[in-house]
Protein backbone atom coordinates (compact mmCIF):
# COMPACT_ATOMS: atom_id res chain seq x y z
CA UNK A 1 -152.73 -18.26 57.29
CA UNK A 2 -149.03 -17.82 56.55
CA UNK A 3 -146.74 -16.32 59.16
CA UNK A 4 -146.27 -13.36 56.85
CA UNK A 5 -149.96 -12.48 57.03
CA UNK A 6 -150.37 -13.41 60.69
CA UNK A 7 -148.84 -10.24 62.13
CA UNK A 8 -151.06 -9.26 65.05
CA UNK A 9 -151.16 -5.60 64.03
CA UNK A 10 -152.31 -6.28 60.46
CA UNK A 11 -155.83 -5.19 59.45
CA UNK A 12 -158.36 -7.92 60.26
CA UNK A 13 -160.20 -7.38 56.95
CA UNK A 14 -157.24 -8.93 55.11
CA UNK A 15 -158.79 -12.27 56.08
CA UNK A 16 -161.59 -11.51 53.61
CA UNK A 17 -159.25 -11.89 50.62
CA UNK A 18 -160.10 -14.99 48.59
CA UNK A 19 -156.58 -15.01 47.10
CA UNK A 20 -153.87 -13.92 49.51
CA UNK A 21 -151.37 -13.54 46.65
CA UNK A 22 -153.26 -10.45 45.56
CA UNK A 23 -151.80 -8.54 48.51
CA UNK A 24 -148.24 -7.98 47.32
CA UNK A 25 -145.77 -5.95 49.37
CA UNK A 26 -142.65 -6.30 47.23
CA UNK A 27 -141.90 -4.24 44.14
CA UNK A 28 -142.11 -5.91 40.73
CA UNK A 29 -139.07 -5.56 38.45
CA UNK A 30 -138.09 -7.68 35.43
CA UNK A 31 -140.66 -10.34 36.26
CA UNK A 32 -139.48 -10.76 39.87
CA UNK A 33 -140.75 -9.56 43.26
CA UNK A 34 -138.04 -7.64 45.09
CA UNK A 35 -137.51 -6.07 48.49
CA UNK A 36 -134.76 -3.84 47.11
CA UNK A 37 -131.11 -3.63 48.04
CA UNK A 38 -131.65 -2.06 51.46
CA UNK A 39 -134.65 -4.14 52.45
CA UNK A 40 -136.46 -1.07 53.78
CA UNK A 41 -140.24 -0.75 53.90
CA UNK A 42 -142.95 1.83 54.41
CA UNK A 43 -146.30 1.25 56.05
CA UNK A 44 -149.66 1.46 54.29
CA UNK A 45 -152.58 2.19 56.61
CA UNK A 46 -156.35 2.27 56.29
CA UNK A 47 -157.34 5.96 56.43
CA UNK A 48 -160.66 4.98 58.02
CA UNK A 49 -159.24 3.16 61.04
CA UNK A 50 -155.49 3.70 61.04
CA UNK A 51 -154.92 -0.08 61.00
CA UNK A 52 -151.90 -1.38 59.08
CA UNK A 53 -152.62 -3.10 55.78
CA UNK A 54 -149.10 -3.83 54.59
CA UNK A 55 -145.41 -3.00 54.69
CA UNK A 56 -144.27 -2.21 51.16
CA UNK A 57 -140.74 -2.27 49.77
CA UNK A 58 -139.07 1.14 49.78
CA UNK A 59 -136.90 1.28 46.68
CA UNK A 60 -134.57 4.02 45.49
CA UNK A 61 -132.48 5.22 42.58
CA UNK A 62 -130.57 1.97 42.08
CA UNK A 63 -133.70 -0.15 41.75
CA UNK A 64 -135.28 2.45 39.47
CA UNK A 65 -132.29 2.14 37.18
CA UNK A 66 -132.68 -1.65 37.27
CA UNK A 67 -136.31 -1.31 36.26
CA UNK A 68 -135.39 1.00 33.36
CA UNK A 69 -132.68 -1.47 32.33
CA UNK A 70 -135.22 -4.29 32.34
CA UNK A 71 -137.77 -2.28 30.36
CA UNK A 72 -135.14 -1.27 27.81
CA UNK A 73 -134.06 -4.90 27.35
CA UNK A 74 -137.63 -6.11 27.02
CA UNK A 75 -138.67 -3.41 24.57
CA UNK A 76 -137.45 -4.95 21.28
CA UNK A 77 -139.15 -8.26 21.95
CA UNK A 78 -142.44 -6.70 23.03
CA UNK A 79 -142.36 -4.21 20.14
CA UNK A 80 -141.77 -6.97 17.61
CA UNK A 81 -144.56 -9.23 18.84
CA UNK A 82 -147.39 -9.32 16.32
CA UNK A 83 -150.07 -6.90 17.53
CA UNK A 84 -152.51 -9.78 17.85
CA UNK A 85 -150.17 -11.42 20.41
CA UNK A 86 -150.01 -8.24 22.48
CA UNK A 87 -153.79 -8.03 22.24
CA UNK A 88 -154.27 -11.60 23.49
CA UNK A 89 -152.15 -10.98 26.58
CA UNK A 90 -153.84 -7.70 27.35
CA UNK A 91 -157.24 -9.34 27.02
CA UNK A 92 -156.12 -12.12 29.38
CA UNK A 93 -155.05 -9.43 31.88
CA UNK A 94 -158.48 -7.81 31.57
CA UNK A 95 -160.25 -11.10 32.26
CA UNK A 96 -158.12 -11.85 35.31
CA UNK A 97 -158.85 -8.41 36.77
CA UNK A 98 -162.60 -8.91 36.47
CA UNK A 99 -162.31 -12.38 38.00
CA UNK A 100 -160.44 -10.88 40.97
CA UNK A 101 -162.73 -7.84 41.29
CA UNK A 102 -163.84 -8.49 44.87
CA UNK A 103 -160.29 -8.88 46.15
CA UNK A 104 -159.07 -5.84 44.22
CA UNK A 105 -161.98 -3.73 45.45
CA UNK A 106 -161.30 -4.78 49.04
CA UNK A 107 -157.62 -3.84 48.73
CA UNK A 108 -158.55 -0.47 47.23
CA UNK A 109 -161.07 0.38 49.93
CA UNK A 110 -158.61 -0.61 52.65
CA UNK A 111 -155.80 1.58 51.35
CA UNK A 112 -157.76 4.45 49.77
CA UNK A 113 -160.89 4.59 51.92
CA UNK A 114 -163.57 4.99 49.25
CA UNK A 115 -166.84 3.06 49.74
CA UNK A 116 -166.63 -0.54 48.57
CA UNK A 117 -169.29 -0.01 45.89
CA UNK A 118 -167.17 2.77 44.37
CA UNK A 119 -164.09 0.53 44.48
CA UNK A 120 -165.93 -2.20 42.58
CA UNK A 121 -166.93 0.39 40.01
CA UNK A 122 -163.34 1.52 39.64
CA UNK A 123 -162.15 -2.04 39.00
CA UNK A 124 -164.65 -2.34 36.17
CA UNK A 125 -163.51 1.05 34.89
CA UNK A 126 -159.85 0.05 35.11
CA UNK A 127 -160.45 -3.19 33.24
CA UNK A 128 -162.34 -1.38 30.47
CA UNK A 129 -159.19 0.46 29.38
CA UNK A 130 -157.31 -2.81 28.97
CA UNK A 131 -160.14 -4.27 26.91
CA UNK A 132 -160.27 -1.14 24.74
CA UNK A 133 -156.55 -1.03 24.05
CA UNK A 134 -156.36 -4.78 23.50
CA UNK A 135 -158.44 -4.02 20.42
CA UNK A 136 -156.54 -0.86 19.50
CA UNK A 137 -153.29 -2.87 19.49
CA UNK A 138 -154.54 -4.55 16.32
CA UNK A 139 -155.44 -1.24 14.68
CA UNK A 140 -152.33 0.85 15.25
CA UNK A 141 -152.42 3.39 12.49
CA UNK A 142 -150.74 2.77 9.13
CA UNK A 143 -151.60 5.49 6.65
CA UNK A 144 -150.59 6.16 3.11
CA UNK A 145 -149.79 9.55 1.62
CA UNK A 146 -150.74 10.68 -1.84
CA UNK A 147 -147.32 11.04 -3.42
CA UNK A 148 -146.24 14.36 -4.87
CA UNK A 149 -143.38 12.56 -6.65
CA UNK A 150 -144.12 10.58 -9.80
CA UNK A 151 -141.67 7.77 -9.06
CA UNK A 152 -142.23 7.27 -5.33
CA UNK A 153 -144.66 5.61 -2.94
CA UNK A 154 -145.10 7.10 0.52
CA UNK A 155 -146.18 5.55 3.82
CA UNK A 156 -146.61 7.03 7.29
CA UNK A 157 -146.63 4.60 10.19
CA UNK A 158 -146.74 4.74 13.97
CA UNK A 159 -144.02 3.05 15.98
CA UNK A 160 -143.72 2.70 19.78
CA UNK A 161 -141.49 5.28 21.46
CA UNK A 162 -139.77 2.81 23.81
CA UNK A 163 -139.71 2.86 27.61
CA UNK A 164 -142.54 4.85 29.25
CA UNK A 165 -142.50 6.23 32.79
CA UNK A 166 -145.89 6.19 34.51
CA UNK A 167 -146.71 8.07 37.73
CA UNK A 168 -150.14 7.57 39.29
CA UNK A 169 -152.12 9.21 42.15
CA UNK A 170 -153.85 7.82 45.20
CA UNK A 171 -157.46 8.74 44.44
CA UNK A 172 -157.94 6.25 41.57
CA UNK A 173 -155.09 3.80 42.15
CA UNK A 174 -156.19 1.14 39.65
CA UNK A 175 -157.88 3.06 36.84
CA UNK A 176 -155.19 5.71 36.48
CA UNK A 177 -152.57 2.98 36.03
CA UNK A 178 -154.48 0.89 33.50
CA UNK A 179 -155.58 3.93 31.47
CA UNK A 180 -151.93 4.80 30.91
CA UNK A 181 -150.30 1.38 30.86
CA UNK A 182 -152.81 -0.31 28.56
CA UNK A 183 -152.34 2.33 25.88
CA UNK A 184 -148.55 2.20 26.09
CA UNK A 185 -148.43 -1.61 26.14
CA UNK A 186 -150.83 -1.83 23.19
CA UNK A 187 -148.53 0.47 21.22
CA UNK A 188 -145.58 -1.85 21.90
CA UNK A 189 -143.92 0.19 24.67
CA UNK A 190 -142.63 -1.11 27.97
CA UNK A 191 -143.51 0.41 31.35
CA UNK A 192 -141.83 1.55 34.55
CA UNK A 193 -144.59 2.69 36.90
CA UNK A 194 -144.44 4.46 40.25
CA UNK A 195 -147.72 4.37 42.21
CA UNK A 196 -148.51 6.73 45.06
CA UNK A 197 -146.96 5.54 48.31
CA UNK A 198 -150.35 6.00 49.96
CA UNK A 199 -152.00 3.43 47.68
CA UNK A 200 -149.34 1.11 46.21
CA UNK A 201 -151.16 -2.16 46.89
CA UNK A 202 -153.66 -1.74 44.07
CA UNK A 203 -150.84 -1.30 41.57
CA UNK A 204 -148.99 -4.32 42.91
CA UNK A 205 -152.18 -6.40 42.61
CA UNK A 206 -152.36 -5.35 38.96
CA UNK A 207 -148.74 -6.47 38.52
CA UNK A 208 -149.59 -9.87 40.03
CA UNK A 209 -152.36 -10.32 37.47
CA UNK A 210 -150.21 -9.01 34.60
CA UNK A 211 -147.66 -11.67 35.49
CA UNK A 212 -150.35 -14.35 35.44
CA UNK A 213 -151.60 -13.03 32.11
CA UNK A 214 -148.23 -13.69 30.49
CA UNK A 215 -146.99 -10.11 30.14
CA UNK A 216 -143.26 -10.84 29.64
CA UNK A 217 -140.61 -10.02 32.22
CA UNK A 218 -139.45 -6.41 32.00
CA UNK A 219 -142.47 -5.20 30.05
CA UNK A 220 -144.46 -4.03 33.10
CA UNK A 221 -142.50 -2.92 36.18
CA UNK A 222 -143.72 -1.39 39.45
CA UNK A 223 -141.21 0.59 41.55
CA UNK A 224 -142.44 1.56 45.03
CA UNK A 225 -140.75 4.01 47.37
CA UNK A 226 -139.78 7.66 47.55
CA UNK A 227 -141.49 9.62 44.77
CA UNK A 228 -138.86 12.35 44.39
CA UNK A 229 -136.07 9.84 43.91
CA UNK A 230 -137.90 7.40 41.64
CA UNK A 231 -139.67 9.95 39.47
CA UNK A 232 -136.49 12.02 39.26
CA UNK A 233 -134.60 9.05 37.79
CA UNK A 234 -137.39 8.39 35.29
CA UNK A 235 -137.31 12.01 34.17
CA UNK A 236 -133.51 12.10 33.86
CA UNK A 237 -132.90 8.83 32.01
CA UNK A 238 -132.74 9.36 28.22
CA UNK A 239 -133.96 5.79 27.62
CA UNK A 240 -137.35 6.78 29.06
CA UNK A 241 -138.91 8.39 26.01
CA UNK A 242 -142.31 9.36 27.43
CA UNK A 243 -143.73 10.26 30.84
CA UNK A 244 -147.40 9.92 31.75
CA UNK A 245 -148.46 11.60 35.00
CA UNK A 246 -151.71 12.21 36.87
CA UNK A 247 -151.56 14.53 39.85
CA UNK A 248 -151.37 18.14 40.88
CA UNK A 249 -150.51 20.96 38.51
CA UNK A 250 -147.64 21.93 40.81
CA UNK A 251 -145.97 18.51 40.51
CA UNK A 252 -146.78 18.41 36.81
CA UNK A 253 -144.78 21.59 36.27
CA UNK A 254 -141.84 20.07 38.14
CA UNK A 255 -141.92 16.85 36.08
CA UNK A 256 -142.17 18.87 32.88
CA UNK A 257 -139.05 20.82 33.84
CA UNK A 258 -137.15 17.67 34.78
CA UNK A 259 -138.03 16.04 31.45
CA UNK A 260 -136.96 19.03 29.36
CA UNK A 261 -133.26 18.09 29.05
CA UNK A 262 -134.15 14.74 27.47
CA UNK A 263 -137.12 16.14 25.46
CA UNK A 264 -139.60 13.45 26.42
CA UNK A 265 -143.15 13.14 25.18
CA UNK A 266 -145.50 14.16 28.02
CA UNK A 267 -149.05 13.17 28.88
CA UNK A 268 -150.33 14.97 31.96
CA UNK A 269 -153.72 14.95 33.62
CA UNK A 270 -153.35 17.69 36.21
CA UNK A 271 -155.59 19.65 38.54
CA UNK A 272 -159.21 20.53 37.99
CA UNK A 273 -161.55 23.15 39.40
CA UNK A 274 -164.80 22.26 37.72
CA UNK A 275 -167.73 24.67 37.54
CA UNK A 276 -171.28 23.34 37.66
CA UNK A 277 -173.72 25.82 36.14
CA UNK A 278 -177.43 25.44 36.87
CA UNK A 279 -179.82 27.57 34.83
CA UNK A 280 -183.30 28.55 36.02
CA UNK A 281 -184.98 26.43 33.35
CA UNK A 282 -183.49 23.24 34.83
CA UNK A 283 -185.52 20.74 36.81
CA UNK A 284 -184.37 21.34 40.41
CA UNK A 285 -184.51 17.69 41.42
CA UNK A 286 -182.44 16.65 38.44
CA UNK A 287 -179.97 19.48 39.06
CA UNK A 288 -179.51 18.36 42.67
CA UNK A 289 -178.96 14.74 41.58
CA UNK A 290 -176.23 15.94 39.24
CA UNK A 291 -174.66 18.13 41.92
CA UNK A 292 -174.59 15.23 44.41
CA UNK A 293 -172.88 12.96 41.88
CA UNK A 294 -170.48 15.61 40.62
CA UNK A 295 -169.41 16.78 44.09
CA UNK A 296 -169.47 13.85 46.51
CA UNK A 297 -168.16 10.83 44.57
CA UNK A 298 -164.90 9.55 46.08
CA UNK A 299 -165.71 11.79 49.06
CA UNK A 300 -164.98 14.79 46.84
CA UNK A 301 -161.40 13.61 46.20
CA UNK A 302 -161.67 13.72 42.43
CA UNK A 303 -160.17 16.05 39.84
CA UNK A 304 -163.57 15.97 38.10
CA UNK A 305 -165.42 17.12 41.23
CA UNK A 306 -167.70 20.14 40.87
CA UNK A 307 -165.89 22.66 43.05
CA UNK A 308 -167.73 25.83 42.05
CA UNK A 309 -171.51 25.60 41.74
CA UNK A 310 -173.21 28.57 40.05
CA UNK A 311 -177.02 28.75 40.16
CA UNK A 312 -179.10 31.29 38.24
CA UNK A 313 -180.74 33.68 40.68
CA UNK A 314 -184.44 32.68 40.14
CA UNK A 315 -183.61 29.04 41.01
CA UNK A 316 -181.03 29.75 43.71
CA UNK A 317 -183.04 29.47 46.93
CA UNK A 318 -184.96 26.36 45.83
CA UNK A 319 -181.75 24.66 44.69
CA UNK A 320 -179.87 25.39 47.92
CA UNK A 321 -182.76 24.13 50.05
CA UNK A 322 -183.12 20.89 48.07
CA UNK A 323 -179.36 20.39 47.90
CA UNK A 324 -178.97 20.75 51.68
CA UNK A 325 -181.78 18.24 52.25
CA UNK A 326 -179.97 15.70 50.07
CA UNK A 327 -176.53 16.31 51.61
CA UNK A 328 -177.51 16.10 55.28
CA UNK A 329 -178.42 12.37 55.34
CA UNK A 330 -175.35 11.16 53.43
CA UNK A 331 -173.77 8.46 55.58
CA UNK A 332 -170.21 9.12 56.69
CA UNK A 333 -168.56 5.80 57.53
CA UNK A 334 -165.62 3.50 56.74
CA UNK A 335 -165.77 2.29 53.15
CA UNK A 336 -166.23 -1.34 54.17
CA UNK A 337 -169.68 -0.53 55.54
CA UNK A 338 -172.13 -1.48 52.82
CA UNK A 339 -174.19 1.71 52.94
CA UNK A 340 -171.33 4.21 53.30
CA UNK A 341 -171.66 7.33 51.12
CA UNK A 342 -168.67 9.37 52.31
CA UNK A 343 -165.43 7.72 53.37
CA UNK A 344 -162.36 9.23 55.01
CA UNK A 345 -160.08 11.74 53.39
CA UNK A 346 -156.68 10.39 52.46
CA UNK A 347 -154.56 12.07 55.11
CA UNK A 348 -154.47 14.80 57.71
CA UNK A 349 -153.16 17.37 55.19
CA UNK A 350 -156.34 16.94 53.15
CA UNK A 351 -158.57 17.50 56.17
CA UNK A 352 -156.65 20.60 57.20
CA UNK A 353 -156.95 22.04 53.70
CA UNK A 354 -160.73 21.52 53.75
CA UNK A 355 -160.95 23.15 57.17
CA UNK A 356 -158.90 26.12 55.95
CA UNK A 357 -161.13 26.60 52.90
CA UNK A 358 -164.35 26.38 54.90
CA UNK A 359 -163.07 28.79 57.55
CA UNK A 360 -161.93 31.26 54.89
CA UNK A 361 -165.29 31.15 53.08
CA UNK A 362 -167.20 31.77 56.31
CA UNK A 363 -164.92 34.68 57.21
CA UNK A 364 -165.69 36.20 53.80
CA UNK A 365 -169.43 36.09 54.39
CA UNK A 366 -170.53 32.66 53.16
CA UNK A 367 -173.23 30.73 54.99
CA UNK A 368 -173.18 27.06 55.99
CA UNK A 369 -176.46 25.16 55.58
CA UNK A 370 -175.13 21.77 56.67
CA UNK A 371 -171.85 20.21 57.79
CA UNK A 372 -168.81 22.39 58.30
CA UNK A 373 -166.71 20.27 60.66
CA UNK A 374 -164.98 16.94 61.16
CA UNK A 375 -167.11 13.86 61.73
CA UNK A 376 -166.87 11.65 64.79
CA UNK A 377 -166.40 8.54 62.60
CA UNK A 378 -162.66 9.15 62.84
CA UNK A 379 -159.93 11.78 62.58
CA UNK A 380 -159.87 11.80 58.76
CA UNK A 381 -163.64 12.02 58.23
CA UNK A 382 -165.28 15.33 57.31
CA UNK A 383 -169.00 16.00 57.30
CA UNK A 384 -170.53 16.63 53.86
CA UNK A 385 -170.89 20.39 53.76
CA UNK A 386 -172.86 22.99 51.84
CA UNK A 387 -171.58 26.56 51.75
CA UNK A 388 -173.82 29.22 50.22
CA UNK A 389 -173.27 32.75 48.91
CA UNK A 390 -169.58 32.01 48.54
CA UNK A 391 -167.70 35.01 47.10
CA UNK A 392 -165.43 34.52 44.11
CA UNK A 393 -162.35 35.59 46.07
CA UNK A 394 -162.74 32.81 48.65
CA UNK A 395 -160.02 30.15 48.63
CA UNK A 396 -162.50 27.42 47.81
CA UNK A 397 -163.49 29.26 44.61
CA UNK A 398 -159.87 29.65 43.52
CA UNK A 399 -158.16 26.42 44.66
CA UNK A 400 -158.94 22.79 43.90
CA UNK A 401 -160.97 21.21 46.71
CA UNK A 402 -160.32 17.57 47.55
CA UNK A 403 -163.06 16.99 50.08
CA UNK A 404 -166.85 16.74 50.58
CA UNK A 405 -167.55 20.48 50.56
CA UNK A 406 -169.89 22.09 48.02
CA UNK A 407 -169.55 25.84 47.41
CA UNK A 408 -172.60 27.51 45.85
CA UNK A 409 -173.12 31.02 44.57
CA UNK A 410 -175.61 32.77 42.31
CA UNK A 411 -175.39 34.45 38.91
CA UNK A 412 -177.59 36.73 36.82
CA UNK A 413 -176.70 36.25 33.13
CA UNK A 414 -175.22 33.64 30.84
CA UNK A 415 -172.37 35.93 29.80
CA UNK A 416 -171.50 36.64 33.41
CA UNK A 417 -171.36 33.00 34.48
CA UNK A 418 -169.27 31.95 31.49
CA UNK A 419 -166.71 34.63 32.35
CA UNK A 420 -166.63 33.57 36.01
CA UNK A 421 -166.37 29.87 35.14
CA UNK A 422 -163.48 30.51 32.76
CA UNK A 423 -161.62 32.70 35.26
CA UNK A 424 -159.24 29.96 36.39
CA UNK A 425 -155.91 28.42 35.39
CA UNK A 426 -157.66 25.05 35.21
CA UNK A 427 -159.65 23.66 32.31
CA UNK A 428 -160.47 20.00 32.82
CA UNK A 429 -164.26 19.62 32.94
CA UNK A 430 -167.38 21.77 33.29
CA UNK A 431 -170.97 20.74 34.02
CA UNK A 432 -174.07 22.53 32.73
CA UNK A 433 -177.72 21.88 33.62
CA UNK A 434 -180.26 23.44 31.26
CA UNK A 435 -183.13 22.47 28.96
CA UNK A 436 -182.15 25.04 26.31
CA UNK A 437 -180.50 23.30 23.36
CA UNK A 438 -179.16 26.49 21.82
CA UNK A 439 -177.60 27.43 25.15
CA UNK A 440 -175.86 24.02 25.26
CA UNK A 441 -174.24 24.74 21.91
CA UNK A 442 -173.21 28.25 22.96
CA UNK A 443 -171.68 27.07 26.22
CA UNK A 444 -170.04 24.12 24.52
CA UNK A 445 -168.09 26.67 22.50
CA UNK A 446 -167.61 29.32 25.19
CA UNK A 447 -166.45 27.24 28.16
CA UNK A 448 -162.66 26.81 28.19
CA UNK A 449 -162.54 23.20 29.32
CA UNK A 450 -161.40 20.00 27.66
CA UNK A 451 -164.69 18.26 28.51
CA UNK A 452 -168.18 19.68 29.03
CA UNK A 453 -171.05 17.61 30.45
CA UNK A 454 -174.64 18.67 29.79
CA UNK A 455 -177.38 17.41 32.10
CA UNK A 456 -175.37 14.46 33.39
CA UNK A 457 -172.39 13.51 35.54
CA UNK A 458 -170.95 10.32 34.08
CA UNK A 459 -169.10 11.14 30.87
CA UNK A 460 -165.80 9.26 31.12
CA UNK A 461 -164.92 5.86 29.70
CA UNK A 462 -162.39 4.07 27.54
CA UNK A 463 -163.71 5.35 24.17
CA UNK A 464 -163.51 9.09 25.02
CA UNK A 465 -160.46 11.43 24.91
CA UNK A 466 -160.02 12.38 28.57
CA UNK A 467 -158.03 15.52 29.30
CA UNK A 468 -157.99 19.24 29.89
CA UNK A 469 -156.75 22.55 28.55
CA UNK A 470 -154.73 25.38 30.10
CA UNK A 471 -152.94 24.11 33.23
CA UNK A 472 -155.12 21.03 33.59
CA UNK A 473 -152.85 18.96 31.42
CA UNK A 474 -151.27 17.92 28.15
CA UNK A 475 -152.54 15.32 25.71
CA UNK A 476 -155.45 12.93 26.06
CA UNK A 477 -155.99 9.54 27.67
CA UNK A 478 -158.47 6.94 26.49
CA UNK A 479 -159.92 6.71 22.97
CA UNK A 480 -157.78 6.15 19.89
CA UNK A 481 -156.00 9.41 20.76
CA UNK A 482 -154.68 7.97 24.00
CA UNK A 483 -152.18 5.78 22.17
CA UNK A 484 -150.66 8.64 20.20
CA UNK A 485 -148.30 9.94 22.89
CA UNK A 486 -146.65 6.52 23.06
CA UNK A 487 -145.89 6.38 19.35
CA UNK A 488 -143.72 8.25 16.88
CA UNK A 489 -144.71 8.93 13.31
CA UNK A 490 -142.26 7.52 10.79
CA UNK A 491 -142.35 8.48 7.13
CA UNK A 492 -141.16 6.01 4.49
CA UNK A 493 -140.46 7.06 0.92
CA UNK A 494 -139.98 4.15 -1.54
CA UNK A 495 -138.46 4.74 -4.96
CA UNK A 496 -140.43 2.82 -7.60
CA UNK A 497 -137.62 2.59 -10.13
C-alpha cells in the first residue's frame, strides 16, 4: 500500500480495490491530474459510516477557465477525427468500464451509499450509453433536401456545437455522466464536466478509464470543487456552446438564467414527482411488486421514484395491506452488506426533509402502517415507510420526495385520478397498473408526462428518449435524439452551373 492510501483515517474498504489507480482524488484537465493552484481539498465520506473515502481537489474559477481553454483547443482535432475513430475510442472506454465494474461499483457504494448490487447495475447502465453512442457516432445525420431551385442541390448536415458543459448529480454519479458525455463526444464535441461534490470519485474513475481508452487530452475534463463557482464560469463563457444538467428544478432555473446571455443550447433533466396509478382490475401482487420497485430503488433517492401512489377505492385496502407486508422486512443496512435493500440517505438535509414531510402528512390526517422514523443503522438511515390516506395538500404530495417513504391515497374515477396526477409542475414519468388496454391508450394520451410506464417499472435504457415535460426538463437524453442538442444543423446550397 502506498503512503498516500495508508492514511489511518481512510475507509478500510478501500483495500478491496483491485486497481488502486481507480480511486483518483485530483481533478482531470487537459490530460493531466491536477491539485489546482491553491492545493485545497474537500473530504468525501461514506454516508453509511461517516468514514473518509478520499480528499478531492477543490478547484475554482481559474482552473475552470483552464479546462475550457483545453476543451476549446482540443475541439477541432476531435471534431475532425473520422467518426469511426471516435467510435473506436468510445467503444474502448466502454470495454474498460465493464472490466473495472467491481472497483467502480465499490467506489460508488462507498461515496453514494446505494446497495452494491444497485451500484453494479448502474455501471452496466452507464456503459450502455457509451456503447450506444459509439455506434451513433458513425451515423450522425446527413440528409438531403428536395430542391425547390432548378439549378441547385441542397444538403442539411449536423455539426458538433463545440465545448459542452456537463453538470451531474449525486444519486447516479456514473450513469448521468456517461449519458451526457457519450452523446456529446460521439457528436464531436469536447467536455468540461462538474460532478457533485458529494460523489466526485465515480466521475474521476471514469476519467481514468477515458484516459486509458485514448480519449485525447482536453477532450474530456473533470473539474471538482465549488459548484456555484465552476458552474457559473461554464454558464458565462461564450465558448461553452451547450450545457447539460441533471438536478433540481430550482437549480435548473438558475442555470437557464445564467446561460441566457450567451444563448446556449440546454439539456436539462430536472425534478420529478411521479404518480403511480393502480386500478381495481390490476393483480394486487403485481401492483405491489411495481410499487416496491418504483418507490424504493436507490433508497427512494431517484427522480423516477413513485412519490404519489393512487389506488382505486375497491382495491385500496387490499393493496395497502399487501404493500405494508412487503415494506416492513426490507433490510436497512450499509450498501456493502450483500443483502441490503435500503441504504443511507445522502446527507442530513435529506433526512430532515423526509422527517418534515412525514410529520406534515400525519398532522393532516394520514396514517402510518410501517416505518415513520430514523433507523438505528446510523444517523442517515430512515426506515422504509408507508403513509396511507394522504391528503393532496400534504407536502409529500406536492414536493419531490428523496427518501424511502411511500404516500398512498385512494381515488374513485379515471377522470378524477388523471386530473390529480397532472396537478403538478413536474412531468417526468408516470406509472399505471391496469389490465384494460383501452384505458392504457387513454391514459397514455391524457397523462402530462414525458414517459409513461404501463404494468412495469424498468423503462429506461440507451435506446429510449429520456426526459420530461413542464418543469421536469428540456430536451431528451439517450436514443438518437440525445445527440441532437450537441449538434447544429447546417444547410448547404450548391449551384449546379
